[in-house]
PDB file of N, CA and C in Angstrom:
ATOM      1  N   MET A   1     -41.417  86.819  41.679  1.00  0.00           N
ATOM      2  CA  MET A   1     -40.988  87.430  42.926  1.00  0.00           C
ATOM      3  C   MET A   1     -41.055  88.956  42.835  1.00  0.00           C
ATOM      4  N   ALA A   2     -40.737  89.478  41.636  1.00  0.00           N
ATOM      5  CA  ALA A   2     -40.779  90.930  41.474  1.00  0.00           C
ATOM      6  C   ALA A   2     -42.200  91.451  41.630  1.00  0.00           C
ATOM      7  N   ILE A   3     -43.166  90.740  41.089  1.00  0.00           N
ATOM      8  CA  ILE A   3     -44.562  91.175  41.214  1.00  0.00           C
ATOM      9  C   ILE A   3     -45.019  91.070  42.664  1.00  0.00           C
ATOM     10  N   GLU A   4     -44.682  89.973  43.318  1.00  0.00           N
ATOM     11  CA  GLU A   4     -45.082  89.794  44.715  1.00  0.00           C
ATOM     12  C   GLU A   4     -44.477  90.874  45.597  1.00  0.00           C
ATOM     13  N   GLY A   5     -43.272  91.328  45.248  1.00  0.00           N
ATOM     14  CA  GLY A   5     -42.598  92.347  46.039  1.00  0.00           C
ATOM     15  C   GLY A   5     -43.052  93.767  45.735  1.00  0.00           C
ATOM     16  N   THR A   6     -43.876  93.943  44.716  1.00  0.00           N
ATOM     17  CA  THR A   6     -44.370  95.265  44.338  1.00  0.00           C
ATOM     18  C   THR A   6     -45.730  95.489  44.982  1.00  0.00           C
ATOM     19  N   HIS A   7     -45.855  96.551  45.728  1.00  0.00           N
ATOM     20  CA  HIS A   7     -47.110  96.836  46.416  1.00  0.00           C
ATOM     21  C   HIS A   7     -47.635  98.197  45.982  1.00  0.00           C
ATOM     22  N   LEU A   8     -48.917  98.223  45.692  1.00  0.00           N
ATOM     23  CA  LEU A   8     -49.564  99.463  45.290  1.00  0.00           C
ATOM     24  C   LEU A   8     -50.038 100.210  46.525  1.00  0.00           C
ATOM     25  N   HIS A   9     -50.175 101.483  46.395  1.00  0.00           N
ATOM     26  CA  HIS A   9     -50.635 102.322  47.499  1.00  0.00           C
ATOM     27  C   HIS A   9     -51.946 101.775  48.065  1.00  0.00           C
ATOM     28  N   GLY A  10     -51.992 101.583  49.376  1.00  0.00           N
ATOM     29  CA  GLY A  10     -53.194 101.126  50.038  1.00  0.00           C
ATOM     30  C   GLY A  10     -53.343  99.613  50.136  1.00  0.00           C
ATOM     31  N   MET A  11     -52.413  98.856  49.559  1.00  0.00           N
ATOM     32  CA  MET A  11     -52.498  97.398  49.635  1.00  0.00           C
ATOM     33  C   MET A  11     -51.746  96.896  50.857  1.00  0.00           C
ATOM     34  N   PRO A  12     -52.147  95.749  51.387  1.00  0.00           N
ATOM     35  CA  PRO A  12     -51.412  95.176  52.516  1.00  0.00           C
ATOM     36  C   PRO A  12     -49.983  94.834  52.103  1.00  0.00           C
ATOM     37  N   THR A  13     -49.102  94.753  53.065  1.00  0.00           N
ATOM     38  CA  THR A  13     -47.691  94.517  52.761  1.00  0.00           C
ATOM     39  C   THR A  13     -47.360  93.058  52.507  1.00  0.00           C
ATOM     40  N   GLU A  14     -48.193  92.118  52.938  1.00  0.00           N
ATOM     41  CA  GLU A  14     -47.899  90.701  52.732  1.00  0.00           C
ATOM     42  C   GLU A  14     -48.907  90.060  51.790  1.00  0.00           C
ATOM     43  N   GLY A  15     -48.403  89.363  50.771  1.00  0.00           N
ATOM     44  CA  GLY A  15     -49.247  88.611  49.875  1.00  0.00           C
ATOM     45  C   GLY A  15     -50.225  89.422  49.058  1.00  0.00           C
ATOM     46  N   ALA A  16     -49.868  90.654  48.759  1.00  0.00           N
ATOM     47  CA  ALA A  16     -50.798  91.536  48.065  1.00  0.00           C
ATOM     48  C   ALA A  16     -51.100  91.061  46.642  1.00  0.00           C
ATOM     49  N   VAL A  17     -50.082  90.732  45.890  1.00  0.00           N
ATOM     50  CA  VAL A  17     -50.266  90.325  44.505  1.00  0.00           C
ATOM     51  C   VAL A  17     -49.331  89.169  44.199  1.00  0.00           C
ATOM     52  N   THR A  18     -49.875  88.122  43.600  1.00  0.00           N
ATOM     53  CA  THR A  18     -49.051  87.030  43.080  1.00  0.00           C
ATOM     54  C   THR A  18     -49.548  86.692  41.685  1.00  0.00           C
ATOM     55  N   VAL A  19     -48.711  86.010  40.915  1.00  0.00           N
ATOM     56  CA  VAL A  19     -49.060  85.641  39.550  1.00  0.00           C
ATOM     57  C   VAL A  19     -48.692  84.191  39.311  1.00  0.00           C
ATOM     58  N   SER A  20     -49.635  83.442  38.762  1.00  0.00           N
ATOM     59  CA  SER A  20     -49.372  82.085  38.306  1.00  0.00           C
ATOM     60  C   SER A  20     -49.614  82.059  36.806  1.00  0.00           C
ATOM     61  N   LEU A  21     -48.715  81.418  36.067  1.00  0.00           N
ATOM     62  CA  LEU A  21     -48.816  81.389  34.615  1.00  0.00           C
ATOM     63  C   LEU A  21     -48.656  79.980  34.076  1.00  0.00           C
ATOM     64  N   GLY A  22     -49.391  79.687  33.036  1.00  0.00           N
ATOM     65  CA  GLY A  22     -49.164  78.510  32.220  1.00  0.00           C
ATOM     66  C   GLY A  22     -48.637  79.000  30.885  1.00  0.00           C
ATOM     67  N   VAL A  23     -47.493  78.491  30.456  1.00  0.00           N
ATOM     68  CA  VAL A  23     -46.855  78.951  29.226  1.00  0.00           C
ATOM     69  C   VAL A  23     -46.660  77.748  28.311  1.00  0.00           C
ATOM     70  N   LEU A  24     -47.109  77.884  27.071  1.00  0.00           N
ATOM     71  CA  LEU A  24     -47.051  76.787  26.112  1.00  0.00           C
ATOM     72  C   LEU A  24     -46.265  77.228  24.890  1.00  0.00           C
ATOM     73  N   SER A  25     -45.210  76.494  24.542  1.00  0.00           N
ATOM     74  CA  SER A  25     -44.509  76.751  23.290  1.00  0.00           C
ATOM     75  C   SER A  25     -45.022  75.765  22.253  1.00  0.00           C
ATOM     76  N   VAL A  26     -45.044  76.205  21.008  1.00  0.00           N
ATOM     77  CA  VAL A  26     -45.580  75.397  19.921  1.00  0.00           C
ATOM     78  C   VAL A  26     -44.467  75.134  18.919  1.00  0.00           C
ATOM     79  N   ASP A  27     -44.240  73.855  18.622  1.00  0.00           N
ATOM     80  CA  ASP A  27     -43.127  73.468  17.752  1.00  0.00           C
ATOM     81  C   ASP A  27     -43.586  72.407  16.763  1.00  0.00           C
ATOM     82  N   PRO A  28     -43.604  72.666  15.479  1.00  0.00           N
ATOM     83  CA  PRO A  28     -43.390  73.953  14.818  1.00  0.00           C
ATOM     84  C   PRO A  28     -44.682  74.735  14.770  1.00  0.00           C
ATOM     85  N   PRO A  29     -44.585  76.068  14.665  1.00  0.00           N
ATOM     86  CA  PRO A  29     -45.803  76.863  14.537  1.00  0.00           C
ATOM     87  C   PRO A  29     -46.456  76.585  13.191  1.00  0.00           C
ATOM     88  N   GLY A  30     -47.719  76.786  13.111  1.00  0.00           N
ATOM     89  CA  GLY A  30     -48.443  76.553  11.856  1.00  0.00           C
ATOM     90  C   GLY A  30     -49.920  76.717  12.094  1.00  0.00           C
ATOM     91  N   ASP A  31     -50.716  76.027  11.300  1.00  0.00           N
ATOM     92  CA  ASP A  31     -52.168  76.074  11.436  1.00  0.00           C
ATOM     93  C   ASP A  31     -52.561  75.248  12.648  1.00  0.00           C
ATOM     94  N   LEU A  32     -52.985  75.913  13.727  1.00  0.00           N
ATOM     95  CA  LEU A  32     -53.212  75.254  15.000  1.00  0.00           C
ATOM     96  C   LEU A  32     -54.676  75.313  15.411  1.00  0.00           C
ATOM     97  N   ASP A  33     -55.115  74.300  16.116  1.00  0.00           N
ATOM     98  CA  ASP A  33     -56.459  74.276  16.696  1.00  0.00           C
ATOM     99  C   ASP A  33     -56.387  75.009  18.030  1.00  0.00           C
ATOM    100  N   ARG A  34     -56.931  76.210  18.071  1.00  0.00           N
ATOM    101  CA  ARG A  34     -56.820  77.036  19.275  1.00  0.00           C
ATOM    102  C   ARG A  34     -57.500  76.403  20.482  1.00  0.00           C
ATOM    103  N   SER A  35     -58.554  75.637  20.274  1.00  0.00           N
ATOM    104  CA  SER A  35     -59.227  75.015  21.413  1.00  0.00           C
ATOM    105  C   SER A  35     -58.329  73.982  22.078  1.00  0.00           C
ATOM    106  N   VAL A  36     -57.514  73.278  21.290  1.00  0.00           N
ATOM    107  CA  VAL A  36     -56.561  72.314  21.855  1.00  0.00           C
ATOM    108  C   VAL A  36     -55.483  73.061  22.635  1.00  0.00           C
ATOM    109  N   LEU A  37     -54.959  74.140  22.053  1.00  0.00           N
ATOM    110  CA  LEU A  37     -53.931  74.919  22.735  1.00  0.00           C
ATOM    111  C   LEU A  37     -54.468  75.519  24.031  1.00  0.00           C
ATOM    112  N   TYR A  38     -55.691  76.036  23.990  1.00  0.00           N
ATOM    113  CA  TYR A  38     -56.298  76.610  25.182  1.00  0.00           C
ATOM    114  C   TYR A  38     -56.405  75.562  26.291  1.00  0.00           C
ATOM    115  N   SER A  39     -56.837  74.377  25.937  1.00  0.00           N
ATOM    116  CA  SER A  39     -56.963  73.294  26.914  1.00  0.00           C
ATOM    117  C   SER A  39     -55.612  72.943  27.531  1.00  0.00           C
ATOM    118  N   GLU A  40     -54.578  72.869  26.690  1.00  0.00           N
ATOM    119  CA  GLU A  40     -53.243  72.522  27.182  1.00  0.00           C
ATOM    120  C   GLU A  40     -52.682  73.598  28.105  1.00  0.00           C
ATOM    121  N   VAL A  41     -52.831  74.862  27.726  1.00  0.00           N
ATOM    122  CA  VAL A  41     -52.279  75.932  28.552  1.00  0.00           C
ATOM    123  C   VAL A  41     -53.098  76.103  29.837  1.00  0.00           C
ATOM    124  N   ALA A  42     -54.399  75.822  29.784  1.00  0.00           N
ATOM    125  CA  ALA A  42     -55.222  75.873  30.991  1.00  0.00           C
ATOM    126  C   ALA A  42     -54.762  74.815  31.991  1.00  0.00           C
ATOM    127  N   GLU A  43     -54.393  73.645  31.505  1.00  0.00           N
ATOM    128  CA  GLU A  43     -53.877  72.591  32.383  1.00  0.00           C
ATOM    129  C   GLU A  43     -52.559  73.019  33.022  1.00  0.00           C
ATOM    130  N   LEU A  44     -51.698  73.690  32.270  1.00  0.00           N
ATOM    131  CA  LEU A  44     -50.436  74.189  32.824  1.00  0.00           C
ATOM    132  C   LEU A  44     -50.697  75.226  33.912  1.00  0.00           C
ATOM    133  N   LEU A  45     -51.659  76.115  33.692  1.00  0.00           N
ATOM    134  CA  LEU A  45     -52.020  77.103  34.709  1.00  0.00           C
ATOM    135  C   LEU A  45     -52.539  76.413  35.967  1.00  0.00           C
ATOM    136  N   TYR A  46     -53.379  75.420  35.806  1.00  0.00           N
ATOM    137  CA  TYR A  46     -53.901  74.660  36.943  1.00  0.00           C
ATOM    138  C   TYR A  46     -52.747  74.029  37.735  1.00  0.00           C
ATOM    139  N   GLN A  47     -51.764  73.472  37.025  1.00  0.00           N
ATOM    140  CA  GLN A  47     -50.603  72.881  37.696  1.00  0.00           C
ATOM    141  C   GLN A  47     -49.840  73.935  38.490  1.00  0.00           C
ATOM    142  N   ALA A  48     -49.672  75.127  37.923  1.00  0.00           N
ATOM    143  CA  ALA A  48     -48.960  76.206  38.624  1.00  0.00           C
ATOM    144  C   ALA A  48     -49.664  76.545  39.928  1.00  0.00           C
ATOM    145  N   LYS A  49     -50.973  76.638  39.890  1.00  0.00           N
ATOM    146  CA  LYS A  49     -51.726  76.965  41.097  1.00  0.00           C
ATOM    147  C   LYS A  49     -51.658  75.831  42.112  1.00  0.00           C
ATOM    148  N   GLN A  50     -51.700  74.593  41.646  1.00  0.00           N
ATOM    149  CA  GLN A  50     -51.634  73.447  42.546  1.00  0.00           C
ATOM    150  C   GLN A  50     -50.263  73.312  43.209  1.00  0.00           C
ATOM    151  N   GLN A  51     -49.222  73.786  42.545  1.00  0.00           N
ATOM    152  CA  GLN A  51     -47.861  73.681  43.075  1.00  0.00           C
ATOM    153  C   GLN A  51     -47.511  74.809  44.037  1.00  0.00           C
ATOM    154  N   GLY A  52     -48.475  75.612  44.394  1.00  0.00           N
ATOM    155  CA  GLY A  52     -48.226  76.628  45.401  1.00  0.00           C
ATOM    156  C   GLY A  52     -48.419  78.049  44.943  1.00  0.00           C
ATOM    157  N   ARG A  53     -48.895  78.248  43.740  1.00  0.00           N
ATOM    158  CA  ARG A  53     -49.150  79.579  43.199  1.00  0.00           C
ATOM    159  C   ARG A  53     -47.859  80.390  43.078  1.00  0.00           C
ATOM    160  N   ASN A  54     -47.995  81.558  42.473  1.00  0.00           N
ATOM    161  CA  ASN A  54     -46.861  82.468  42.287  1.00  0.00           C
ATOM    162  C   ASN A  54     -45.694  81.795  41.564  1.00  0.00           C
ATOM    163  N   ARG A  55     -46.015  81.127  40.456  1.00  0.00           N
ATOM    164  CA  ARG A  55     -44.983  80.429  39.697  1.00  0.00           C
ATOM    165  C   ARG A  55     -45.389  80.286  38.243  1.00  0.00           C
ATOM    166  N   VAL A  56     -44.458  79.813  37.426  1.00  0.00           N
ATOM    167  CA  VAL A  56     -44.691  79.568  36.008  1.00  0.00           C
ATOM    168  C   VAL A  56     -44.477  78.087  35.741  1.00  0.00           C
ATOM    169  N   VAL A  57     -45.435  77.466  35.047  1.00  0.00           N
ATOM    170  CA  VAL A  57     -45.279  76.081  34.599  1.00  0.00           C
ATOM    171  C   VAL A  57     -45.356  76.123  33.078  1.00  0.00           C
ATOM    172  N   SER A  58     -44.364  75.537  32.422  1.00  0.00           N
ATOM    173  CA  SER A  58     -44.314  75.585  30.959  1.00  0.00           C
ATOM    174  C   SER A  58     -44.440  74.186  30.364  1.00  0.00           C
ATOM    175  N   GLY A  59     -44.843  74.166  29.112  1.00  0.00           N
ATOM    176  CA  GLY A  59     -44.970  72.916  28.379  1.00  0.00           C
ATOM    177  C   GLY A  59     -44.741  73.157  26.906  1.00  0.00           C
ATOM    178  N   ARG A  60     -44.739  72.070  26.133  1.00  0.00           N
ATOM    179  CA  ARG A  60     -44.499  72.163  24.693  1.00  0.00           C
ATOM    180  C   ARG A  60     -45.581  71.392  23.953  1.00  0.00           C
ATOM    181  N   HIS A  61     -46.143  72.022  22.941  1.00  0.00           N
ATOM    182  CA  HIS A  61     -47.109  71.383  22.062  1.00  0.00           C
ATOM    183  C   HIS A  61     -46.388  71.075  20.759  1.00  0.00           C
ATOM    184  N   ARG A  62     -46.404  69.820  20.373  1.00  0.00           N
ATOM    185  CA  ARG A  62     -45.774  69.442  19.104  1.00  0.00           C
ATOM    186  C   ARG A  62     -46.860  69.100  18.105  1.00  0.00           C
ATOM    187  N   THR A  63     -46.737  69.686  16.914  1.00  0.00           N
ATOM    188  CA  THR A  63     -47.739  69.421  15.879  1.00  0.00           C
ATOM    189  C   THR A  63     -47.289  68.324  14.949  1.00  0.00           C
TER     190      THR A  63
END
C-alpha cells in the first residue's frame, strides 16, 4: 500500500505503481538447487498476480 500510495513527479495519481511479490523461506538452509527454488518462487509470484496484484504471497521450501 505504501508503494501504491507513493507517486513520482509526472506520474498519474491513480494506479501509478504496484508491486507483487513471491517470497519463499527455506527450512533448513543448506546446499540448495537454485533452479528448484526459482521455480517455486516464480509460482508464488504468479499466484500474487492472479489474486489481484499489489500483494505478497509466501511459501516454504523444506529440504
